[in-house]
C-alpha cells in the first residue's frame, strides 16, 4: 500500500464524525444505510450474557428507535430471552459494509408494554405471526416436519380470525443507550472513532478513540 501524501495526511488529521447529538447522528447514518445497504439495513448483532457473564450473540432486526432507545422483538423463552430476563444489559452492533461504517451501542434493557407488543405482532404478515407463535424458539426440534406441521395446524385454526393470538412470551425490549461508538473506515487503516457517554443527567459527552 502506498504511503499517504501530505494532503491525505492533512485530511486524515480531522475527524469526519461530528461531536453532536448521538441519537440524531444515528438517525442520519441509519437513513443513509437504508438507501445503500442491499438487504436489511436494520440488522444488528445483539450481545447478551448469562448472570455469571457467559456471552452470546446473534443477529436481530431493529424495529424502532428514538429518544427512549432501540427496540427489537423476540420470544422471551428463547436462549436470548432467558439471558435478557436474568441480566437486563445488552450491546448492539450495526455494521454497514456498503458505507464502511459501524455503530456500537450499550445499555440496560426494559421490556415493552403488552399493548406495544400486541401492536407490532399483529402488524406482521399473517404467515410470520403463525411462524413465531408455532415456534419453541431455541429448544430442541426432532425434525423440520414437526415444526412445519405445527405451523400448518395453527394456520388452519387461525385463518378465520385473520390474525394469531400473540403468545404472552413473545415480546419486545428497548435498549436505553448509555454508550454509543461511531466507527468510520479511513485510508491506511487510520480509522475514525468517536465514543459518546451519557451522564446521570441525560447529557452526552464525547471523545475520539485511537483506532
N, C-alpha and C. Protein backbone atom coordinates (compact mmCIF):
# COMPACT_ATOMS: atom_id res chain seq x y z
N UNK A 1 0.84 -1.19 0.00
CA UNK A 1 0.00 0.00 0.00
C UNK A 1 0.89 1.25 0.00
N UNK A 2 0.63 2.22 -0.91
CA UNK A 2 1.48 3.41 -0.96
C UNK A 2 1.34 4.27 0.27
N UNK A 3 2.40 4.98 0.59
CA UNK A 3 2.36 5.89 1.74
C UNK A 3 1.42 7.06 1.43
N UNK A 4 0.66 7.53 2.43
CA UNK A 4 -0.24 8.66 2.19
C UNK A 4 0.55 9.94 1.89
N UNK A 5 0.00 10.75 1.01
CA UNK A 5 0.63 12.03 0.67
C UNK A 5 0.39 13.02 1.80
N UNK A 6 1.13 14.14 1.83
CA UNK A 6 0.88 15.17 2.84
C UNK A 6 -0.57 15.66 2.83
N UNK A 7 -1.16 15.80 1.64
CA UNK A 7 -2.55 16.24 1.57
C UNK A 7 -3.49 15.21 2.19
N UNK A 8 -3.23 13.93 1.92
CA UNK A 8 -4.05 12.89 2.51
C UNK A 8 -3.93 12.88 4.03
N UNK A 9 -2.70 13.04 4.52
CA UNK A 9 -2.50 13.07 5.96
C UNK A 9 -3.21 14.26 6.60
N UNK A 10 -3.22 15.38 5.90
CA UNK A 10 -3.90 16.56 6.41
C UNK A 10 -5.40 16.29 6.55
N UNK A 11 -5.96 15.61 5.54
CA UNK A 11 -7.39 15.28 5.60
C UNK A 11 -7.67 14.28 6.71
N UNK A 12 -6.76 13.33 6.88
CA UNK A 12 -6.95 12.30 7.90
C UNK A 12 -6.81 12.87 9.32
N UNK A 13 -6.20 14.01 9.45
CA UNK A 13 -5.98 14.58 10.77
C UNK A 13 -7.26 15.14 11.38
N UNK A 14 -8.30 15.30 10.58
CA UNK A 14 -9.57 15.82 11.07
C UNK A 14 -10.61 14.70 11.12
N UNK A 15 -11.35 14.62 12.22
CA UNK A 15 -12.40 13.62 12.33
C UNK A 15 -13.57 13.98 11.42
N UNK A 16 -14.14 12.96 10.78
CA UNK A 16 -15.34 13.15 9.97
C UNK A 16 -16.61 12.79 10.74
N UNK A 17 -16.47 12.44 12.01
CA UNK A 17 -17.62 12.12 12.84
C UNK A 17 -17.90 13.32 13.74
N UNK A 18 -19.02 14.00 13.56
CA UNK A 18 -19.27 15.23 14.32
C UNK A 18 -19.51 14.96 15.81
N UNK A 19 -19.12 15.92 16.62
CA UNK A 19 -19.42 15.88 18.05
C UNK A 19 -20.78 16.53 18.23
N UNK A 20 -21.83 15.72 18.06
CA UNK A 20 -23.20 16.23 18.07
C UNK A 20 -24.08 15.28 18.86
N UNK A 21 -25.38 15.45 18.78
CA UNK A 21 -26.33 14.55 19.44
C UNK A 21 -26.17 13.16 18.84
N UNK A 22 -25.76 12.15 19.62
CA UNK A 22 -25.50 10.84 19.02
C UNK A 22 -26.76 10.16 18.49
N UNK A 23 -27.92 10.45 19.10
CA UNK A 23 -29.15 9.84 18.59
C UNK A 23 -29.54 10.43 17.24
N UNK A 24 -29.32 11.73 17.06
CA UNK A 24 -29.57 12.34 15.76
C UNK A 24 -28.56 11.84 14.74
N UNK A 25 -27.31 11.66 15.17
CA UNK A 25 -26.29 11.15 14.26
C UNK A 25 -26.62 9.71 13.85
N UNK A 26 -27.09 8.89 14.80
CA UNK A 26 -27.53 7.53 14.45
C UNK A 26 -28.62 7.59 13.38
N UNK A 27 -29.61 8.45 13.59
CA UNK A 27 -30.71 8.54 12.62
C UNK A 27 -30.20 8.91 11.23
N UNK A 28 -29.24 9.81 11.17
CA UNK A 28 -28.68 10.22 9.88
C UNK A 28 -27.95 9.07 9.21
N UNK A 29 -27.10 8.38 9.97
CA UNK A 29 -26.37 7.24 9.40
C UNK A 29 -27.33 6.12 9.01
N UNK A 30 -28.34 5.88 9.82
CA UNK A 30 -29.30 4.82 9.54
C UNK A 30 -30.07 5.13 8.25
N UNK A 31 -30.45 6.38 8.07
CA UNK A 31 -31.15 6.76 6.84
C UNK A 31 -30.28 6.51 5.62
N UNK A 32 -29.00 6.82 5.73
CA UNK A 32 -28.08 6.55 4.61
C UNK A 32 -27.93 5.05 4.38
N UNK A 33 -27.89 4.28 5.45
CA UNK A 33 -27.75 2.82 5.31
C UNK A 33 -28.98 2.22 4.63
N UNK A 34 -30.16 2.74 4.92
CA UNK A 34 -31.37 2.21 4.29
C UNK A 34 -31.35 2.44 2.78
N UNK A 35 -30.64 3.46 2.34
CA UNK A 35 -30.51 3.71 0.90
C UNK A 35 -29.39 2.88 0.28
N UNK A 36 -28.35 2.58 1.05
CA UNK A 36 -27.14 1.98 0.49
C UNK A 36 -27.06 0.46 0.65
N UNK A 37 -27.56 -0.07 1.77
CA UNK A 37 -27.41 -1.50 2.02
C UNK A 37 -28.36 -2.30 1.14
N UNK A 38 -27.88 -3.39 0.53
CA UNK A 38 -28.74 -4.18 -0.36
C UNK A 38 -29.83 -4.94 0.39
N UNK A 39 -29.59 -5.33 1.63
CA UNK A 39 -30.57 -6.09 2.41
C UNK A 39 -30.48 -5.73 3.89
N UNK A 40 -31.63 -5.54 4.51
CA UNK A 40 -31.73 -5.45 5.97
C UNK A 40 -30.76 -4.46 6.60
N UNK A 41 -30.92 -3.19 6.26
CA UNK A 41 -30.10 -2.16 6.91
C UNK A 41 -30.36 -2.11 8.41
N UNK A 42 -31.51 -2.64 8.85
CA UNK A 42 -31.84 -2.64 10.28
C UNK A 42 -31.34 -3.88 11.01
N UNK A 43 -30.55 -4.72 10.34
CA UNK A 43 -29.97 -5.89 11.00
C UNK A 43 -28.88 -5.45 11.97
N UNK A 44 -28.89 -6.04 13.16
CA UNK A 44 -27.89 -5.68 14.17
C UNK A 44 -27.53 -6.91 14.97
N UNK A 45 -26.29 -6.98 15.40
CA UNK A 45 -25.86 -8.04 16.30
C UNK A 45 -26.28 -7.65 17.71
N UNK A 46 -26.93 -8.58 18.39
CA UNK A 46 -27.37 -8.38 19.77
C UNK A 46 -26.56 -9.29 20.67
N UNK A 47 -25.78 -8.71 21.58
CA UNK A 47 -24.98 -9.48 22.53
C UNK A 47 -25.64 -9.44 23.90
N UNK A 48 -25.82 -10.63 24.49
CA UNK A 48 -26.35 -10.75 25.83
C UNK A 48 -25.40 -11.63 26.64
N UNK A 49 -25.69 -11.77 27.92
CA UNK A 49 -24.85 -12.61 28.77
C UNK A 49 -25.69 -13.22 29.88
N UNK A 50 -25.25 -14.36 30.35
CA UNK A 50 -25.88 -15.02 31.49
C UNK A 50 -25.52 -14.26 32.77
N UNK A 51 -26.18 -14.55 33.88
CA UNK A 51 -25.83 -13.87 35.13
C UNK A 51 -24.37 -14.03 35.53
N UNK A 52 -23.74 -15.16 35.14
CA UNK A 52 -22.33 -15.35 35.50
C UNK A 52 -21.38 -14.88 34.41
N UNK A 53 -21.93 -14.17 33.40
CA UNK A 53 -21.06 -13.47 32.44
C UNK A 53 -20.72 -14.22 31.18
N UNK A 54 -21.34 -15.38 30.91
CA UNK A 54 -21.06 -16.09 29.67
C UNK A 54 -21.80 -15.40 28.52
N UNK A 55 -21.09 -14.92 27.49
CA UNK A 55 -21.73 -14.13 26.44
C UNK A 55 -22.29 -14.99 25.31
N UNK A 56 -23.23 -14.41 24.58
CA UNK A 56 -23.68 -14.99 23.31
C UNK A 56 -24.15 -13.84 22.43
N UNK A 57 -24.16 -14.08 21.12
CA UNK A 57 -24.51 -13.01 20.18
C UNK A 57 -25.25 -13.62 19.00
N UNK A 58 -26.18 -12.84 18.42
CA UNK A 58 -26.94 -13.26 17.25
C UNK A 58 -27.47 -12.02 16.55
N UNK A 59 -27.93 -12.20 15.32
CA UNK A 59 -28.49 -11.09 14.56
C UNK A 59 -29.99 -10.99 14.82
N UNK A 60 -30.46 -9.75 15.04
CA UNK A 60 -31.88 -9.46 15.14
C UNK A 60 -32.15 -8.20 14.31
N UNK A 61 -33.41 -7.80 14.25
CA UNK A 61 -33.78 -6.63 13.47
C UNK A 61 -34.24 -5.50 14.38
N UNK A 62 -33.72 -4.31 14.14
CA UNK A 62 -34.19 -3.11 14.83
C UNK A 62 -35.59 -2.79 14.32
N UNK A 63 -36.54 -2.60 15.25
CA UNK A 63 -37.91 -2.32 14.85
C UNK A 63 -38.41 -0.96 15.32
N UNK A 64 -37.55 -0.20 15.96
CA UNK A 64 -37.92 1.15 16.37
C UNK A 64 -36.75 1.81 17.07
N UNK A 65 -36.62 3.11 16.90
CA UNK A 65 -35.58 3.83 17.62
C UNK A 65 -36.03 5.27 17.81
N UNK A 66 -35.57 5.89 18.88
CA UNK A 66 -35.93 7.26 19.19
C UNK A 66 -35.33 7.66 20.52
N UNK A 67 -35.86 8.69 21.16
CA UNK A 67 -35.30 9.17 22.43
C UNK A 67 -35.27 8.11 23.52
N UNK A 68 -36.22 7.15 23.49
CA UNK A 68 -36.26 6.12 24.52
C UNK A 68 -35.26 4.99 24.28
N UNK A 69 -34.77 4.87 23.06
CA UNK A 69 -33.79 3.83 22.79
C UNK A 69 -34.08 3.04 21.54
N UNK A 70 -33.60 1.79 21.53
CA UNK A 70 -33.59 0.94 20.35
C UNK A 70 -34.38 -0.33 20.66
N UNK A 71 -35.42 -0.60 19.88
CA UNK A 71 -36.38 -1.66 20.20
C UNK A 71 -36.29 -2.82 19.22
N UNK A 72 -36.34 -4.03 19.76
CA UNK A 72 -36.40 -5.26 18.98
C UNK A 72 -37.39 -6.20 19.66
N UNK A 73 -37.80 -7.24 18.93
CA UNK A 73 -38.80 -8.18 19.44
C UNK A 73 -38.24 -9.61 19.38
N UNK A 74 -38.73 -10.44 20.31
CA UNK A 74 -38.22 -11.80 20.38
C UNK A 74 -39.14 -12.67 21.21
N UNK A 75 -38.87 -13.96 21.16
CA UNK A 75 -39.51 -14.93 22.04
C UNK A 75 -38.74 -14.93 23.36
N UNK A 76 -39.39 -14.54 24.43
CA UNK A 76 -38.70 -14.43 25.72
C UNK A 76 -38.36 -15.78 26.32
N UNK A 77 -38.86 -16.88 25.73
CA UNK A 77 -38.49 -18.21 26.18
C UNK A 77 -37.31 -18.79 25.40
N UNK A 78 -36.79 -18.01 24.45
CA UNK A 78 -35.60 -18.43 23.72
C UNK A 78 -34.36 -18.26 24.59
N UNK A 79 -33.21 -18.69 24.07
CA UNK A 79 -31.97 -18.52 24.82
C UNK A 79 -31.72 -17.04 25.11
N UNK A 80 -31.84 -16.20 24.07
CA UNK A 80 -31.56 -14.78 24.31
C UNK A 80 -32.58 -14.18 25.26
N UNK A 81 -33.85 -14.62 25.14
CA UNK A 81 -34.87 -14.11 26.05
C UNK A 81 -34.58 -14.46 27.50
N UNK A 82 -34.15 -15.69 27.73
CA UNK A 82 -33.80 -16.11 29.10
C UNK A 82 -32.61 -15.32 29.62
N UNK A 83 -31.62 -15.08 28.77
CA UNK A 83 -30.45 -14.30 29.21
C UNK A 83 -30.85 -12.86 29.50
N UNK A 84 -31.71 -12.30 28.66
CA UNK A 84 -32.17 -10.92 28.89
C UNK A 84 -32.91 -10.82 30.22
N UNK A 85 -33.83 -11.75 30.45
CA UNK A 85 -34.64 -11.69 31.66
C UNK A 85 -33.78 -11.82 32.92
N UNK A 86 -32.67 -12.54 32.83
CA UNK A 86 -31.81 -12.73 34.00
C UNK A 86 -30.70 -11.70 34.11
N UNK A 87 -30.46 -10.95 33.04
CA UNK A 87 -29.38 -9.95 33.05
C UNK A 87 -29.78 -8.86 32.05
N UNK A 88 -30.45 -7.84 32.54
CA UNK A 88 -31.08 -6.84 31.66
C UNK A 88 -30.07 -5.80 31.17
N UNK A 89 -28.98 -6.30 30.60
CA UNK A 89 -27.96 -5.47 29.97
C UNK A 89 -27.65 -6.09 28.61
N UNK A 90 -27.37 -5.25 27.62
CA UNK A 90 -27.05 -5.80 26.30
C UNK A 90 -26.20 -4.81 25.52
N UNK A 91 -25.70 -5.30 24.39
CA UNK A 91 -24.94 -4.46 23.46
C UNK A 91 -25.43 -4.75 22.05
N UNK A 92 -25.43 -3.72 21.21
CA UNK A 92 -25.83 -3.82 19.82
C UNK A 92 -24.66 -3.42 18.92
N UNK A 93 -24.62 -4.01 17.74
CA UNK A 93 -23.63 -3.62 16.74
C UNK A 93 -24.28 -3.57 15.37
N UNK A 94 -24.21 -2.41 14.73
CA UNK A 94 -24.59 -2.26 13.33
C UNK A 94 -23.32 -2.22 12.50
N UNK A 95 -23.28 -3.00 11.42
CA UNK A 95 -22.15 -2.96 10.50
C UNK A 95 -22.71 -2.78 9.10
N UNK A 96 -22.49 -1.60 8.53
CA UNK A 96 -22.97 -1.29 7.18
C UNK A 96 -21.77 -1.32 6.24
N UNK A 97 -21.57 -2.46 5.62
CA UNK A 97 -20.38 -2.67 4.81
C UNK A 97 -20.35 -1.73 3.61
N UNK A 98 -21.53 -1.45 3.03
CA UNK A 98 -21.58 -0.57 1.86
C UNK A 98 -21.09 0.83 2.18
N UNK A 99 -21.26 1.26 3.43
CA UNK A 99 -20.84 2.60 3.86
C UNK A 99 -19.52 2.57 4.63
N UNK A 100 -19.04 1.36 4.93
CA UNK A 100 -17.80 1.19 5.71
C UNK A 100 -17.92 1.89 7.06
N UNK A 101 -19.06 1.61 7.71
CA UNK A 101 -19.34 2.22 9.00
C UNK A 101 -19.83 1.16 9.99
N UNK A 102 -19.57 1.43 11.26
CA UNK A 102 -20.11 0.61 12.34
C UNK A 102 -20.63 1.54 13.44
N UNK A 103 -21.62 1.04 14.18
CA UNK A 103 -22.08 1.73 15.39
C UNK A 103 -22.25 0.68 16.48
N UNK A 104 -21.64 0.92 17.64
CA UNK A 104 -21.78 0.06 18.81
C UNK A 104 -22.58 0.81 19.87
N UNK A 105 -23.53 0.10 20.49
CA UNK A 105 -24.44 0.71 21.46
C UNK A 105 -24.56 -0.21 22.66
N UNK A 106 -24.45 0.35 23.86
CA UNK A 106 -24.53 -0.44 25.09
C UNK A 106 -25.46 0.23 26.08
N UNK A 107 -26.17 -0.61 26.86
CA UNK A 107 -27.03 -0.05 27.90
C UNK A 107 -27.99 -1.07 28.47
N UNK A 108 -28.81 -0.65 29.44
CA UNK A 108 -29.80 -1.54 30.06
C UNK A 108 -31.02 -1.72 29.16
N UNK A 109 -31.74 -2.80 29.40
CA UNK A 109 -32.94 -3.13 28.64
C UNK A 109 -34.18 -2.97 29.51
N UNK A 110 -35.29 -2.63 28.86
CA UNK A 110 -36.60 -2.61 29.51
C UNK A 110 -37.59 -3.29 28.58
N UNK A 111 -38.49 -4.07 29.14
CA UNK A 111 -39.49 -4.76 28.31
C UNK A 111 -40.56 -3.76 27.86
N UNK A 112 -41.02 -3.91 26.62
CA UNK A 112 -42.07 -3.04 26.11
C UNK A 112 -43.40 -3.41 26.76
N UNK A 113 -44.39 -2.53 26.65
CA UNK A 113 -45.71 -2.82 27.19
C UNK A 113 -46.39 -3.91 26.37
N UNK A 114 -47.39 -4.59 26.97
CA UNK A 114 -48.13 -5.61 26.23
C UNK A 114 -48.87 -5.00 25.06
N UNK A 115 -49.32 -3.75 25.20
CA UNK A 115 -50.01 -3.08 24.09
C UNK A 115 -49.06 -2.84 22.92
N UNK A 116 -47.84 -2.46 23.22
CA UNK A 116 -46.84 -2.24 22.18
C UNK A 116 -46.48 -3.56 21.49
N UNK A 117 -46.33 -4.62 22.29
CA UNK A 117 -46.01 -5.93 21.72
C UNK A 117 -47.16 -6.43 20.85
N UNK A 118 -48.40 -6.25 21.32
CA UNK A 118 -49.57 -6.64 20.52
C UNK A 118 -49.59 -5.91 19.19
N UNK A 119 -49.38 -4.61 19.24
CA UNK A 119 -49.47 -3.78 18.03
C UNK A 119 -48.43 -4.22 17.00
N UNK A 120 -47.20 -4.47 17.45
CA UNK A 120 -46.19 -4.88 16.48
C UNK A 120 -46.45 -6.30 15.98
N UNK A 121 -46.80 -7.21 16.88
CA UNK A 121 -47.02 -8.60 16.47
C UNK A 121 -48.08 -8.67 15.37
N UNK A 122 -49.19 -7.94 15.56
CA UNK A 122 -50.28 -8.01 14.59
C UNK A 122 -50.06 -7.13 13.38
N UNK A 123 -48.98 -6.35 13.36
CA UNK A 123 -48.63 -5.61 12.15
C UNK A 123 -47.85 -6.49 11.17
N UNK A 124 -47.38 -7.65 11.63
CA UNK A 124 -46.58 -8.54 10.80
C UNK A 124 -47.48 -9.32 9.85
N UNK A 125 -46.92 -9.83 8.74
CA UNK A 125 -47.71 -10.69 7.86
C UNK A 125 -48.28 -11.89 8.63
N UNK A 126 -49.46 -12.34 8.22
CA UNK A 126 -50.12 -13.45 8.89
C UNK A 126 -49.20 -14.67 9.02
N UNK A 127 -48.48 -15.00 7.95
CA UNK A 127 -47.61 -16.19 7.99
C UNK A 127 -46.48 -16.00 8.99
N UNK A 128 -46.02 -14.75 9.18
CA UNK A 128 -44.96 -14.50 10.17
C UNK A 128 -45.50 -14.64 11.59
N UNK A 129 -46.74 -14.19 11.80
CA UNK A 129 -47.36 -14.38 13.11
C UNK A 129 -47.47 -15.87 13.44
N UNK A 130 -47.91 -16.65 12.46
CA UNK A 130 -48.05 -18.09 12.67
C UNK A 130 -46.70 -18.73 12.97
N UNK A 131 -45.69 -18.39 12.16
CA UNK A 131 -44.37 -18.98 12.35
C UNK A 131 -43.80 -18.71 13.72
N UNK A 132 -43.99 -17.47 14.22
CA UNK A 132 -43.47 -17.13 15.55
C UNK A 132 -44.24 -17.85 16.65
N UNK A 133 -45.58 -17.87 16.54
CA UNK A 133 -46.40 -18.48 17.59
C UNK A 133 -46.20 -19.99 17.66
N UNK A 134 -45.88 -20.60 16.53
CA UNK A 134 -45.73 -22.06 16.49
C UNK A 134 -44.34 -22.52 16.91
N UNK A 135 -43.42 -21.60 17.08
CA UNK A 135 -42.03 -21.97 17.35
C UNK A 135 -41.70 -21.96 18.84
N UNK A 136 -41.11 -23.05 19.31
CA UNK A 136 -40.49 -23.07 20.65
C UNK A 136 -39.02 -22.67 20.47
N UNK A 137 -38.81 -21.41 20.21
CA UNK A 137 -37.51 -20.93 19.74
C UNK A 137 -36.37 -21.37 20.64
N UNK A 138 -35.29 -21.85 20.01
CA UNK A 138 -34.04 -22.28 20.65
C UNK A 138 -34.13 -23.63 21.33
N UNK A 139 -35.32 -24.26 21.37
CA UNK A 139 -35.44 -25.56 22.01
C UNK A 139 -35.20 -26.67 21.00
N UNK A 140 -34.78 -27.85 21.45
CA UNK A 140 -34.50 -28.95 20.53
C UNK A 140 -35.72 -29.31 19.68
N UNK A 141 -35.48 -29.64 18.41
CA UNK A 141 -36.52 -30.00 17.45
C UNK A 141 -36.15 -31.34 16.84
N UNK A 142 -37.09 -32.31 16.89
CA UNK A 142 -36.77 -33.64 16.40
C UNK A 142 -36.67 -33.70 14.88
N UNK A 143 -37.46 -32.87 14.18
CA UNK A 143 -37.39 -32.83 12.72
C UNK A 143 -38.08 -31.57 12.22
N UNK A 144 -37.70 -31.12 11.02
CA UNK A 144 -38.36 -29.97 10.40
C UNK A 144 -39.85 -30.24 10.20
N UNK A 145 -40.18 -31.50 9.92
CA UNK A 145 -41.58 -31.85 9.66
C UNK A 145 -42.47 -31.53 10.86
N UNK A 146 -41.94 -31.73 12.06
CA UNK A 146 -42.72 -31.43 13.26
C UNK A 146 -43.09 -29.96 13.32
N UNK A 147 -42.11 -29.09 13.05
CA UNK A 147 -42.38 -27.65 13.09
C UNK A 147 -43.34 -27.25 11.97
N UNK A 148 -43.12 -27.74 10.76
CA UNK A 148 -43.99 -27.38 9.64
C UNK A 148 -45.43 -27.81 9.92
N UNK A 149 -45.60 -29.00 10.53
CA UNK A 149 -46.96 -29.47 10.87
C UNK A 149 -47.61 -28.54 11.89
N UNK A 150 -46.86 -28.08 12.87
CA UNK A 150 -47.40 -27.13 13.86
C UNK A 150 -47.82 -25.84 13.18
N UNK A 151 -47.00 -25.37 12.25
CA UNK A 151 -47.34 -24.14 11.52
C UNK A 151 -48.63 -24.34 10.72
N UNK A 152 -48.74 -25.46 10.01
CA UNK A 152 -49.94 -25.73 9.21
C UNK A 152 -51.18 -25.82 10.09
N UNK A 153 -51.08 -26.51 11.22
CA UNK A 153 -52.23 -26.64 12.12
C UNK A 153 -52.66 -25.29 12.68
N UNK A 154 -51.68 -24.47 13.08
CA UNK A 154 -52.02 -23.16 13.63
C UNK A 154 -52.59 -22.25 12.56
N UNK A 155 -52.05 -22.34 11.35
CA UNK A 155 -52.56 -21.52 10.25
C UNK A 155 -54.02 -21.86 9.97
N UNK A 156 -54.36 -23.14 9.96
CA UNK A 156 -55.74 -23.56 9.72
C UNK A 156 -56.66 -23.06 10.84
N UNK A 157 -56.19 -23.14 12.08
CA UNK A 157 -57.00 -22.75 13.22
C UNK A 157 -57.26 -21.25 13.28
N UNK A 158 -56.33 -20.46 12.75
CA UNK A 158 -56.43 -19.00 12.89
C UNK A 158 -56.88 -18.29 11.62
N UNK A 159 -57.09 -19.04 10.54
CA UNK A 159 -57.41 -18.40 9.27
C UNK A 159 -58.67 -17.57 9.33
N UNK A 160 -59.70 -18.05 9.99
CA UNK A 160 -60.97 -17.33 10.02
C UNK A 160 -60.85 -16.00 10.74
N UNK A 161 -60.00 -15.95 11.77
CA UNK A 161 -59.80 -14.71 12.51
C UNK A 161 -58.89 -13.74 11.76
N UNK A 162 -58.03 -14.27 10.90
CA UNK A 162 -57.13 -13.42 10.13
C UNK A 162 -55.92 -12.95 10.89
N UNK A 163 -55.82 -13.31 12.16
CA UNK A 163 -54.65 -12.99 12.95
C UNK A 163 -54.46 -14.06 14.00
N UNK A 164 -53.30 -14.05 14.60
CA UNK A 164 -52.93 -15.08 15.57
C UNK A 164 -52.83 -14.45 16.95
N UNK A 165 -53.40 -15.06 18.00
CA UNK A 165 -53.20 -14.50 19.33
C UNK A 165 -51.71 -14.42 19.66
N UNK A 166 -51.27 -13.27 20.13
CA UNK A 166 -49.85 -13.14 20.48
C UNK A 166 -49.55 -13.98 21.70
N UNK A 167 -48.58 -14.89 21.60
CA UNK A 167 -48.19 -15.65 22.80
C UNK A 167 -47.66 -14.70 23.87
N UNK A 168 -47.98 -14.91 25.13
CA UNK A 168 -47.52 -13.98 26.18
C UNK A 168 -46.01 -13.87 26.29
N UNK A 169 -45.30 -14.91 25.84
CA UNK A 169 -43.83 -14.88 25.92
C UNK A 169 -43.21 -14.20 24.70
N UNK A 170 -44.01 -13.81 23.71
CA UNK A 170 -43.48 -13.09 22.55
C UNK A 170 -43.59 -11.60 22.85
N UNK A 171 -42.46 -10.95 22.98
CA UNK A 171 -42.45 -9.58 23.49
C UNK A 171 -41.32 -8.78 22.86
N UNK A 172 -41.11 -7.60 23.35
CA UNK A 172 -40.04 -6.75 22.84
C UNK A 172 -39.26 -6.12 23.98
N UNK A 173 -38.09 -5.63 23.64
CA UNK A 173 -37.23 -4.96 24.62
C UNK A 173 -36.64 -3.71 23.98
N UNK A 174 -36.45 -2.71 24.80
CA UNK A 174 -35.83 -1.46 24.35
C UNK A 174 -34.54 -1.24 25.11
N UNK A 175 -33.46 -1.04 24.36
CA UNK A 175 -32.15 -0.75 24.97
C UNK A 175 -32.02 0.75 25.13
N UNK A 176 -31.80 1.18 26.36
CA UNK A 176 -31.61 2.59 26.68
C UNK A 176 -30.12 2.90 26.59
N UNK A 177 -29.65 3.60 25.55
CA UNK A 177 -28.20 3.72 25.33
C UNK A 177 -27.50 4.56 26.38
N UNK A 178 -26.41 4.01 26.89
CA UNK A 178 -25.54 4.73 27.81
C UNK A 178 -24.18 5.01 27.19
N UNK A 179 -23.84 4.23 26.15
CA UNK A 179 -22.58 4.43 25.42
C UNK A 179 -22.84 4.12 23.95
N UNK A 180 -22.42 5.02 23.08
CA UNK A 180 -22.57 4.81 21.64
C UNK A 180 -21.24 5.17 20.99
N UNK A 181 -20.74 4.24 20.17
CA UNK A 181 -19.49 4.50 19.45
C UNK A 181 -19.72 4.42 17.94
N UNK A 182 -19.28 5.46 17.25
CA UNK A 182 -19.35 5.52 15.80
C UNK A 182 -17.97 5.24 15.23
N UNK A 183 -17.92 4.35 14.25
CA UNK A 183 -16.65 3.93 13.63
C UNK A 183 -16.75 4.15 12.13
N UNK A 184 -15.74 4.79 11.57
CA UNK A 184 -15.72 5.11 10.14
C UNK A 184 -14.40 4.66 9.56
N UNK A 185 -14.47 3.85 8.50
CA UNK A 185 -13.26 3.40 7.83
C UNK A 185 -12.55 4.59 7.19
N UNK A 186 -11.23 4.65 7.38
CA UNK A 186 -10.42 5.68 6.75
C UNK A 186 -9.21 5.05 6.09
N UNK A 187 -8.58 5.78 5.21
CA UNK A 187 -7.44 5.26 4.44
C UNK A 187 -6.30 4.83 5.36
N UNK A 188 -5.54 3.84 4.89
CA UNK A 188 -4.33 3.36 5.58
C UNK A 188 -4.63 2.85 6.99
N UNK A 189 -5.87 2.40 7.20
CA UNK A 189 -6.32 1.88 8.49
C UNK A 189 -6.23 2.92 9.61
N UNK A 190 -6.21 4.19 9.24
CA UNK A 190 -6.25 5.25 10.25
C UNK A 190 -7.71 5.60 10.52
N UNK A 191 -8.43 4.59 11.04
CA UNK A 191 -9.88 4.70 11.17
C UNK A 191 -10.29 5.80 12.14
N UNK A 192 -11.51 6.24 12.00
CA UNK A 192 -12.08 7.34 12.77
C UNK A 192 -13.08 6.76 13.77
N UNK A 193 -12.87 7.03 15.06
CA UNK A 193 -13.76 6.52 16.10
C UNK A 193 -14.13 7.64 17.06
N UNK A 194 -15.41 7.76 17.35
CA UNK A 194 -15.86 8.71 18.37
C UNK A 194 -16.84 8.00 19.29
N UNK A 195 -16.59 8.11 20.60
CA UNK A 195 -17.43 7.47 21.61
C UNK A 195 -18.20 8.53 22.39
N UNK A 196 -19.50 8.30 22.53
CA UNK A 196 -20.37 9.16 23.33
C UNK A 196 -20.76 8.42 24.60
N UNK A 197 -20.71 9.12 25.74
CA UNK A 197 -21.12 8.56 27.02
C UNK A 197 -22.19 9.44 27.64
N UNK A 198 -23.21 8.79 28.18
CA UNK A 198 -24.33 9.52 28.78
C UNK A 198 -24.12 9.65 30.27
N UNK A 199 -24.29 10.85 30.79
CA UNK A 199 -24.13 11.09 32.23
C UNK A 199 -25.47 10.91 32.93
N UNK A 200 -25.46 11.01 34.26
CA UNK A 200 -26.66 10.75 35.06
C UNK A 200 -27.78 11.74 34.73
N UNK A 201 -27.43 12.95 34.31
CA UNK A 201 -28.46 13.94 34.00
C UNK A 201 -28.99 13.80 32.56
N UNK A 202 -28.53 12.79 31.84
CA UNK A 202 -29.02 12.55 30.49
C UNK A 202 -28.23 13.23 29.40
N UNK A 203 -27.27 14.08 29.74
CA UNK A 203 -26.47 14.76 28.73
C UNK A 203 -25.39 13.82 28.20
N UNK A 204 -24.86 14.16 27.03
CA UNK A 204 -23.84 13.34 26.38
C UNK A 204 -22.52 14.07 26.32
N UNK A 205 -21.45 13.34 26.51
CA UNK A 205 -20.10 13.84 26.25
C UNK A 205 -19.45 12.90 25.25
N UNK A 206 -18.43 13.39 24.55
CA UNK A 206 -17.80 12.53 23.57
C UNK A 206 -16.30 12.70 23.57
N UNK A 207 -15.64 11.67 23.07
CA UNK A 207 -14.20 11.71 22.89
C UNK A 207 -13.83 10.87 21.68
N UNK A 208 -12.76 11.27 21.00
CA UNK A 208 -12.22 10.43 19.95
C UNK A 208 -11.44 9.28 20.60
N UNK A 209 -11.37 8.15 19.90
CA UNK A 209 -10.62 6.99 20.36
C UNK A 209 -9.55 6.64 19.33
N UNK A 210 -8.42 6.14 19.81
CA UNK A 210 -7.44 5.59 18.88
C UNK A 210 -8.07 4.41 18.14
N UNK A 211 -7.78 4.26 16.84
CA UNK A 211 -8.32 3.10 16.12
C UNK A 211 -7.60 1.81 16.49
